[in-house]
Amino acid sequence: IIERNARTYLHLSSVLFVEMVTQLMLDHVTEEKYNPYRIALVPLVLFTFLIVGREVMGVDMMNDRVVDDYLLSYTVGVTVYLLCKIRILIHELCAELNIWCFDIVTPRNATTTPEKKVN
């Protein structure tokens, strides 16, 4: 499976890692308890059981095409979920701190053009 889908597998593992680390950092900053059991890992566990059943028990539950499609759709789904999660987190943090994303000096409620002083 990894030989056929090396790039997809690496993208999936990196996206899952980024999702976990992002949540870990957010939980640390907000002093919440980190929960390592993620909803995003449920399809991976199901995928593992189906592959183990196929390889060990000899039961062909999924052919190669279905495995490739499942891995690709899972990777795309987790990537979209991660992008939405990060976008919402950045928006909420910037709104709470009243700052722009990459400009923490200019307040959010300030006008876009600086006022000119009249002498």
Foldseek 3Di string as FASTA:
>chain_A
DCVVVVPLVVLQVVLVVVQQVVQVVVCVVVVHDRDPDDPLCVLVVVLVVQVCCCPPVVDNPDDPVVNVVSSNVSSVVSVVVSVVVVVVVQVVVCVVLQADNPGRPDGNPDDPDDDDDDD
